[in-house]
Structure formats: structure tokens, C-alpha cells
């Protein structure tokens, strides 16, 4: 199964996201977090992700004759590789983005429906901004963003830390640059009439 087909399934994407933040989970713990997914279906998806090398078994123990496995995420295997992204056509990208957005909406719906919902206390936010960046400035921005995020992605769980999900979407706006620049240099309408 191609990485895109494997990872861009709504349930498998939720499973992958459940492991983000260097978490180790058993299938029972995963089932408790994803109680809306039938257990049989969850086990099948965990099995597929394990066979593909996205999840790895890090511990096993016997419980009443059954083997309980603890899994962790192999982050490099849980991402589409650049050559896979380059081979995707427009429909593939549309599908991938829809799955991504559906995952975001699902996460937000579960958060907003929880008893713990308090966006001010939690620092939950969603924003949009526009930036004028040359290609080199954009590369520098991505480098800066990575240098800020990477050390924090390595944080181990502690009782003082709360797992937070960070979504990132970056794409160019499709307005003609020359028109937008001209509009920003034009005098305000009220001054132009005087």
C-alpha cells in the first residue's frame, strides 16, 4: 500500500496523531481515546500501520493469556516523502488536504465537545496572516519556524506538560503580486478625492 493511501485514511490518521508527542500506547489505551471507533476496526488499522513500519512494538506483556503490545510512532515513516508528494496529481492533493482538514475539524469538534473546553485557559487559538516574502525569505521563515518547534517536539511528557497539537498550513496566495503592490502604494480613497 502506498504511503499516501496508508496515511490518508481518517482512522489511521487519527491513530498516528494519537501517538504524536512521543507517546507509547497499548491498543486498549488507544481504544479508550478513540471510543467512537469500533475496536475490531481499530485493531485492523493498528495492524496495518505496524506492518507498514509506521508503528513499532516497544514492549509486550501477557495478560490473561493474551499478549498486550505497547506501540510507538516511527515519525519518519508517518510522513509522505518528497518524491511521493511530487508524484501526486491535483486530485491526490485535494483528497490529502480534505483528509487533513477533516482531521483538524474532528480534533476541534472533540475538543470543543469536551467538558474541559476552555480556549482562554488552554491557549487554544486559530489565526490567519498574510506575509510578503521572497523565496529566500520564505526559506528563512521555514528554517526559523523549525528551529523554534524542533526542540519542543523533543520534550518528554511530564505531569506539568499538556500535549498540544500543532497544525501547519502554508501556501501562496493567488492574487497578482503587481496588483496588490500597486493597491498598497495607492493613497487612501479619502485623500485622493481632495
C-alpha atoms as a PDB file:
ATOM      1  CA  UNK A   1       0.000   0.000   0.000  1.00  0.00           C
ATOM      2  CA  UNK A   2       1.385   3.437  -0.921  1.00  0.00           C
ATOM      3  CA  UNK A   3       2.198   5.777   1.983  1.00  0.00           C
ATOM      4  CA  UNK A   4      -0.498   8.235   0.879  1.00  0.00           C
ATOM      5  CA  UNK A   5      -3.156   5.501   0.814  1.00  0.00           C
ATOM      6  CA  UNK A   6      -1.954   4.212   4.177  1.00  0.00           C
ATOM      7  CA  UNK A   7      -1.679   7.536   5.993  1.00  0.00           C
ATOM      8  CA  UNK A   8      -4.566   9.464   4.445  1.00  0.00           C
ATOM      9  CA  UNK A   9      -7.282   7.235   5.844  1.00  0.00           C
ATOM     10  CA  UNK A  10      -9.285   9.134   8.504  1.00  0.00           C
ATOM     11  CA  UNK A  11      -8.993   6.470  11.229  1.00  0.00           C
ATOM     12  CA  UNK A  12      -5.328   5.692  10.556  1.00  0.00           C
ATOM     13  CA  UNK A  13      -4.551   9.424  10.556  1.00  0.00           C
ATOM     14  CA  UNK A  14      -6.232   9.739  13.969  1.00  0.00           C
ATOM     15  CA  UNK A  15      -4.190   6.799  15.240  1.00  0.00           C
ATOM     16  CA  UNK A  16      -0.976   8.414  14.024  1.00  0.00           C
ATOM     17  CA  UNK A  17      -1.954  11.720  15.669  1.00  0.00           C
ATOM     18  CA  UNK A  18      -2.709   9.916  18.946  1.00  0.00           C
ATOM     19  CA  UNK A  19       0.965   8.904  19.119  1.00  0.00           C
ATOM     20  CA  UNK A  20       2.345  12.383  18.401  1.00  0.00           C
ATOM     21  CA  UNK A  21       4.367  13.816  21.257  1.00  0.00           C
ATOM     22  CA  UNK A  22       6.494  10.702  21.764  1.00  0.00           C
ATOM     23  CA  UNK A  23       3.676   8.674  23.310  1.00  0.00           C
ATOM     24  CA  UNK A  24       3.709   4.923  23.937  1.00  0.00           C
ATOM     25  CA  UNK A  25       0.227   3.385  23.911  1.00  0.00           C
ATOM     26  CA  UNK A  26      -1.375  -0.030  24.044  1.00  0.00           C
ATOM     27  CA  UNK A  27      -4.329  -0.790  21.808  1.00  0.00           C
ATOM     28  CA  UNK A  28      -6.558  -0.686  24.891  1.00  0.00           C
ATOM     29  CA  UNK A  29      -5.352   2.838  25.726  1.00  0.00           C
ATOM     30  CA  UNK A  30      -5.847   3.849  22.108  1.00  0.00           C
ATOM     31  CA  UNK A  31      -9.367   2.363  22.134  1.00  0.00           C
ATOM     32  CA  UNK A  32     -10.190   4.393  25.261  1.00  0.00           C
ATOM     33  CA  UNK A  33      -9.092   7.605  23.495  1.00  0.00           C
ATOM     34  CA  UNK A  34     -10.913   6.692  20.281  1.00  0.00           C
ATOM     35  CA  UNK A  35     -14.061   5.185  21.771  1.00  0.00           C
ATOM     36  CA  UNK A  36     -16.110   6.169  18.704  1.00  0.00           C
ATOM     37  CA  UNK A  37     -14.089   3.724  16.529  1.00  0.00           C
ATOM     38  CA  UNK A  38     -15.168   0.048  16.727  1.00  0.00           C
ATOM     39  CA  UNK A  39     -12.457  -1.986  18.497  1.00  0.00           C
ATOM     40  CA  UNK A  40     -12.168  -4.533  15.668  1.00  0.00           C
ATOM     41  CA  UNK A  41     -11.634  -1.763  13.151  1.00  0.00           C
ATOM     42  CA  UNK A  42      -9.071  -0.081  15.412  1.00  0.00           C
ATOM     43  CA  UNK A  43      -7.086  -3.329  15.746  1.00  0.00           C
ATOM     44  CA  UNK A  44      -7.070  -3.782  11.943  1.00  0.00           C
ATOM     45  CA  UNK A  45      -5.757  -0.247  11.391  1.00  0.00           C
ATOM     46  CA  UNK A  46      -3.084  -0.656  14.092  1.00  0.00           C
ATOM     47  CA  UNK A  47      -2.043  -3.901  12.415  1.00  0.00           C
ATOM     48  CA  UNK A  48      -1.763  -2.204   9.014  1.00  0.00           C
ATOM     49  CA  UNK A  49       0.294   0.655  10.454  1.00  0.00           C
ATOM     50  CA  UNK A  50       2.567  -1.819  12.251  1.00  0.00           C
ATOM     51  CA  UNK A  51       3.110  -3.951   9.124  1.00  0.00           C
ATOM     52  CA  UNK A  52       3.985  -0.785   7.195  1.00  0.00           C
ATOM     53  CA  UNK A  53       6.530   0.224   9.852  1.00  0.00           C
ATOM     54  CA  UNK A  54       4.660   3.376  10.917  1.00  0.00           C
ATOM     55  CA  UNK A  55       4.041   1.936  14.400  1.00  0.00           C
ATOM     56  CA  UNK A  56       6.560  -0.230  16.211  1.00  0.00           C
ATOM     57  CA  UNK A  57       6.143  -2.593  19.151  1.00  0.00           C
ATOM     58  CA  UNK A  58       8.311  -1.444  22.056  1.00  0.00           C
ATOM     59  CA  UNK A  59       7.000  -3.757  24.789  1.00  0.00           C
ATOM     60  CA  UNK A  60       4.921  -6.898  25.227  1.00  0.00           C
ATOM     61  CA  UNK A  61       3.358  -8.462  28.302  1.00  0.00           C
ATOM     62  CA  UNK A  62       0.995 -11.350  28.931  1.00  0.00           C
ATOM     63  CA  UNK A  63      -2.412 -10.558  30.383  1.00  0.00           C
ATOM     64  CA  UNK A  64      -4.834 -13.431  30.960  1.00  0.00           C
ATOM     65  CA  UNK A  65      -3.334 -15.485  28.148  1.00  0.00           C
ATOM     66  CA  UNK A  66      -3.265 -12.625  25.633  1.00  0.00           C
ATOM     67  CA  UNK A  67      -0.275 -10.522  24.648  1.00  0.00           C
ATOM     68  CA  UNK A  68      -0.629  -6.782  25.229  1.00  0.00           C
ATOM     69  CA  UNK A  69       1.651  -4.754  22.987  1.00  0.00           C
ATOM     70  CA  UNK A  70       2.805  -1.207  23.546  1.00  0.00           C
ATOM     71  CA  UNK A  71       3.414   0.809  20.391  1.00  0.00           C
ATOM     72  CA  UNK A  72       5.264   3.983  19.491  1.00  0.00           C
ATOM     73  CA  UNK A  73       5.264   6.012  16.298  1.00  0.00           C
ATOM     74  CA  UNK A  74       8.148   5.963  13.839  1.00  0.00           C
ATOM     75  CA  UNK A  75       7.774   9.614  12.859  1.00  0.00           C
ATOM     76  CA  UNK A  76       9.856   9.398   9.654  1.00  0.00           C
ATOM     77  CA  UNK A  77       7.621   6.567   8.399  1.00  0.00           C
ATOM     78  CA  UNK A  78       4.479   8.552   9.263  1.00  0.00           C
ATOM     79  CA  UNK A  79       5.170  11.293   6.731  1.00  0.00           C
ATOM     80  CA  UNK A  80       4.803  11.394   2.982  1.00  0.00           C
ATOM     81  CA  UNK A  81       8.231  11.585   1.387  1.00  0.00           C
ATOM     82  CA  UNK A  82       9.059  14.433  -1.052  1.00  0.00           C
ATOM     83  CA  UNK A  83       9.080  12.081  -4.054  1.00  0.00           C
ATOM     84  CA  UNK A  84       5.616  10.798  -3.089  1.00  0.00           C
ATOM     85  CA  UNK A  85       4.288  14.358  -2.793  1.00  0.00           C
ATOM     86  CA  UNK A  86       5.862  15.245  -6.169  1.00  0.00           C
ATOM     87  CA  UNK A  87       4.132  12.244  -7.786  1.00  0.00           C
ATOM     88  CA  UNK A  88       0.683  13.277  -6.520  1.00  0.00           C
ATOM     89  CA  UNK A  89      -1.686  14.883  -9.003  1.00  0.00           C
ATOM     90  CA  UNK A  90      -4.192  17.656  -8.221  1.00  0.00           C
ATOM     91  CA  UNK A  91      -6.930  15.215  -7.248  1.00  0.00           C
ATOM     92  CA  UNK A  92      -4.495  13.418  -4.908  1.00  0.00           C
ATOM     93  CA  UNK A  93      -3.583  16.725  -3.260  1.00  0.00           C
ATOM     94  CA  UNK A  94      -7.252  17.711  -2.966  1.00  0.00           C
ATOM     95  CA  UNK A  95      -8.016  14.378  -1.301  1.00  0.00           C
ATOM     96  CA  UNK A  96      -4.984  14.663   1.021  1.00  0.00           C
ATOM     97  CA  UNK A  97      -5.916  18.202   2.046  1.00  0.00           C
ATOM     98  CA  UNK A  98      -9.549  17.204   2.664  1.00  0.00           C
ATOM     99  CA  UNK A  99      -8.387  14.368   4.937  1.00  0.00           C
ATOM    100  CA  UNK A 100      -6.044  16.783   6.719  1.00  0.00           C
ATOM    101  CA  UNK A 101      -8.824  19.354   7.220  1.00  0.00           C
ATOM    102  CA  UNK A 102     -11.313  16.664   8.251  1.00  0.00           C
ATOM    103  CA  UNK A 103      -8.782  15.525  10.864  1.00  0.00           C
ATOM    104  CA  UNK A 104      -8.377  19.096  12.085  1.00  0.00           C
ATOM    105  CA  UNK A 105     -12.153  19.575  12.281  1.00  0.00           C
ATOM    106  CA  UNK A 106     -12.548  16.249  14.078  1.00  0.00           C
ATOM    107  CA  UNK A 107      -9.887  17.160  16.630  1.00  0.00           C
ATOM    108  CA  UNK A 108     -11.505  20.561  17.187  1.00  0.00           C
ATOM    109  CA  UNK A 109     -15.006  19.041  17.457  1.00  0.00           C
ATOM    110  CA  UNK A 110     -13.786  16.561  20.093  1.00  0.00           C
ATOM    111  CA  UNK A 111     -12.028  19.367  21.999  1.00  0.00           C
ATOM    112  CA  UNK A 112     -14.994  21.768  21.903  1.00  0.00           C
ATOM    113  CA  UNK A 113     -17.378  18.978  22.975  1.00  0.00           C
ATOM    114  CA  UNK A 114     -15.214  18.001  25.958  1.00  0.00           C
ATOM    115  CA  UNK A 115     -16.055  19.078  29.499  1.00  0.00           C
ATOM    116  CA  UNK A 116     -12.554  20.582  29.749  1.00  0.00           C
ATOM    117  CA  UNK A 117     -13.235  23.067  26.927  1.00  0.00           C
ATOM    118  CA  UNK A 118     -11.751  26.432  27.909  1.00  0.00           C
ATOM    119  CA  UNK A 119      -9.909  28.085  24.991  1.00  0.00           C
ATOM    120  CA  UNK A 120      -8.621  31.017  27.082  1.00  0.00           C
ATOM    121  CA  UNK A 121      -7.091  28.805  29.768  1.00  0.00           C
ATOM    122  CA  UNK A 122      -5.844  26.297  27.186  1.00  0.00           C
ATOM    123  CA  UNK A 123      -4.326  28.889  24.872  1.00  0.00           C
ATOM    124  CA  UNK A 124      -6.273  27.315  22.002  1.00  0.00           C
ATOM    125  CA  UNK A 125      -6.113  29.611  19.002  1.00  0.00           C
ATOM    126  CA  UNK A 126      -6.595  29.750  15.269  1.00  0.00           C
ATOM    127  CA  UNK A 127      -5.307  32.582  13.161  1.00  0.00           C
ATOM    128  CA  UNK A 128      -4.611  33.535   9.578  1.00  0.00           C
ATOM    129  CA  UNK A 129      -1.999  36.024   8.395  1.00  0.00           C
ATOM    130  CA  UNK A 130      -0.598  37.157   5.079  1.00  0.00           C
ATOM    131  CA  UNK A 131       3.107  37.835   4.581  1.00  0.00           C
ATOM    132  CA  UNK A 132       5.034  39.231   1.634  1.00  0.00           C
ATOM    133  CA  UNK A 133       8.120  37.020   1.368  1.00  0.00           C
ATOM    134  CA  UNK A 134      10.660  36.397  -1.354  1.00  0.00           C
ATOM    135  CA  UNK A 135      11.609  32.755  -1.927  1.00  0.00           C
ATOM    136  CA  UNK A 136      14.745  33.210   0.189  1.00  0.00           C
ATOM    137  CA  UNK A 137      12.782  34.973   2.957  1.00  0.00           C
ATOM    138  CA  UNK A 138      10.231  32.141   2.882  1.00  0.00           C
ATOM    139  CA  UNK A 139      13.018  29.560   3.216  1.00  0.00           C
ATOM    140  CA  UNK A 140      14.416  31.559   6.152  1.00  0.00           C
ATOM    141  CA  UNK A 141      10.927  31.728   7.736  1.00  0.00           C
ATOM    142  CA  UNK A 142      10.564  27.930   7.478  1.00  0.00           C
ATOM    143  CA  UNK A 143      14.042  27.479   8.970  1.00  0.00           C
ATOM    144  CA  UNK A 144      13.135  29.814  11.862  1.00  0.00           C
ATOM    145  CA  UNK A 145       9.838  28.011  12.438  1.00  0.00           C
ATOM    146  CA  UNK A 146      11.661  24.671  12.508  1.00  0.00           C
ATOM    147  CA  UNK A 147      14.295  25.974  14.932  1.00  0.00           C
ATOM    148  CA  UNK A 148      11.525  27.111  17.291  1.00  0.00           C
ATOM    149  CA  UNK A 149       9.424  23.932  17.029  1.00  0.00           C
ATOM    150  CA  UNK A 150      12.056  21.158  16.935  1.00  0.00           C
ATOM    151  CA  UNK A 151      13.384  21.497  20.498  1.00  0.00           C
ATOM    152  CA  UNK A 152       9.832  21.497  21.815  1.00  0.00           C
ATOM    153  CA  UNK A 153       8.878  18.432  19.764  1.00  0.00           C
ATOM    154  CA  UNK A 154      11.598  16.600  21.711  1.00  0.00           C
ATOM    155  CA  UNK A 155      10.021  17.426  25.101  1.00  0.00           C
ATOM    156  CA  UNK A 156       9.215  14.313  27.102  1.00  0.00           C
ATOM    157  CA  UNK A 157       5.799  14.020  28.730  1.00  0.00           C
ATOM    158  CA  UNK A 158       5.669  15.177  32.359  1.00  0.00           C
ATOM    159  CA  UNK A 159       2.827  15.864  34.772  1.00  0.00           C
ATOM    160  CA  UNK A 160       3.319  19.617  34.187  1.00  0.00           C
ATOM    161  CA  UNK A 161       3.108  19.316  30.391  1.00  0.00           C
ATOM    162  CA  UNK A 162      -0.064  19.020  28.357  1.00  0.00           C
ATOM    163  CA  UNK A 163       0.073  17.538  24.874  1.00  0.00           C
ATOM    164  CA  UNK A 164      -0.818  20.163  22.281  1.00  0.00           C
ATOM    165  CA  UNK A 165      -1.496  19.565  18.590  1.00  0.00           C
ATOM    166  CA  UNK A 166       0.131  21.953  16.131  1.00  0.00           C
ATOM    167  CA  UNK A 167      -1.309  22.127  12.614  1.00  0.00           C
ATOM    168  CA  UNK A 168       0.601  23.965   9.922  1.00  0.00           C
ATOM    169  CA  UNK A 169      -0.756  25.106   6.560  1.00  0.00           C
ATOM    170  CA  UNK A 170       1.308  27.307   4.258  1.00  0.00           C
ATOM    171  CA  UNK A 171       0.540  28.126   0.638  1.00  0.00           C
ATOM    172  CA  UNK A 172       0.893  31.101  -1.677  1.00  0.00           C
ATOM    173  CA  UNK A 173      -1.994  33.484  -2.193  1.00  0.00           C
ATOM    174  CA  UNK A 174      -3.121  33.674  -5.801  1.00  0.00           C
ATOM    175  CA  UNK A 175      -3.513  37.426  -6.170  1.00  0.00           C
ATOM    176  CA  UNK A 176      -1.262  39.011  -8.787  1.00  0.00           C
ATOM    177  CA  UNK A 177       1.709  40.485  -6.915  1.00  0.00           C
ATOM    178  CA  UNK A 178       1.875  43.595  -9.132  1.00  0.00           C
ATOM    179  CA  UNK A 179      -1.819  44.486  -8.492  1.00  0.00           C
ATOM    180  CA  UNK A 180      -1.503  44.010  -4.745  1.00  0.00           C
ATOM    181  CA  UNK A 181       1.666  46.092  -4.557  1.00  0.00           C
ATOM    182  CA  UNK A 182       0.045  48.889  -6.584  1.00  0.00           C
ATOM    183  CA  UNK A 183      -3.001  48.850  -4.311  1.00  0.00           C
ATOM    184  CA  UNK A 184      -0.818  49.107  -1.204  1.00  0.00           C
ATOM    185  CA  UNK A 185       1.013  52.156  -2.658  1.00  0.00           C
ATOM    186  CA  UNK A 186      -2.171  53.981  -3.736  1.00  0.00           C
ATOM    187  CA  UNK A 187      -3.243  56.867  -1.486  1.00  0.00           C
ATOM    188  CA  UNK A 188      -6.301  56.223   0.691  1.00  0.00           C
ATOM    189  CA  UNK A 189      -9.583  56.967  -1.121  1.00  0.00           C
ATOM    190  CA  UNK A 190     -10.471  59.882   1.200  1.00  0.00           C
ATOM    191  CA  UNK A 191      -7.178  61.703   0.447  1.00  0.00           C
ATOM    192  CA  UNK A 192      -7.381  61.031  -3.297  1.00  0.00           C
ATOM    193  CA  UNK A 193     -10.690  62.970  -3.559  1.00  0.00           C
ATOM    194  CA  UNK A 194      -9.324  66.194  -2.080  1.00  0.00           C
END
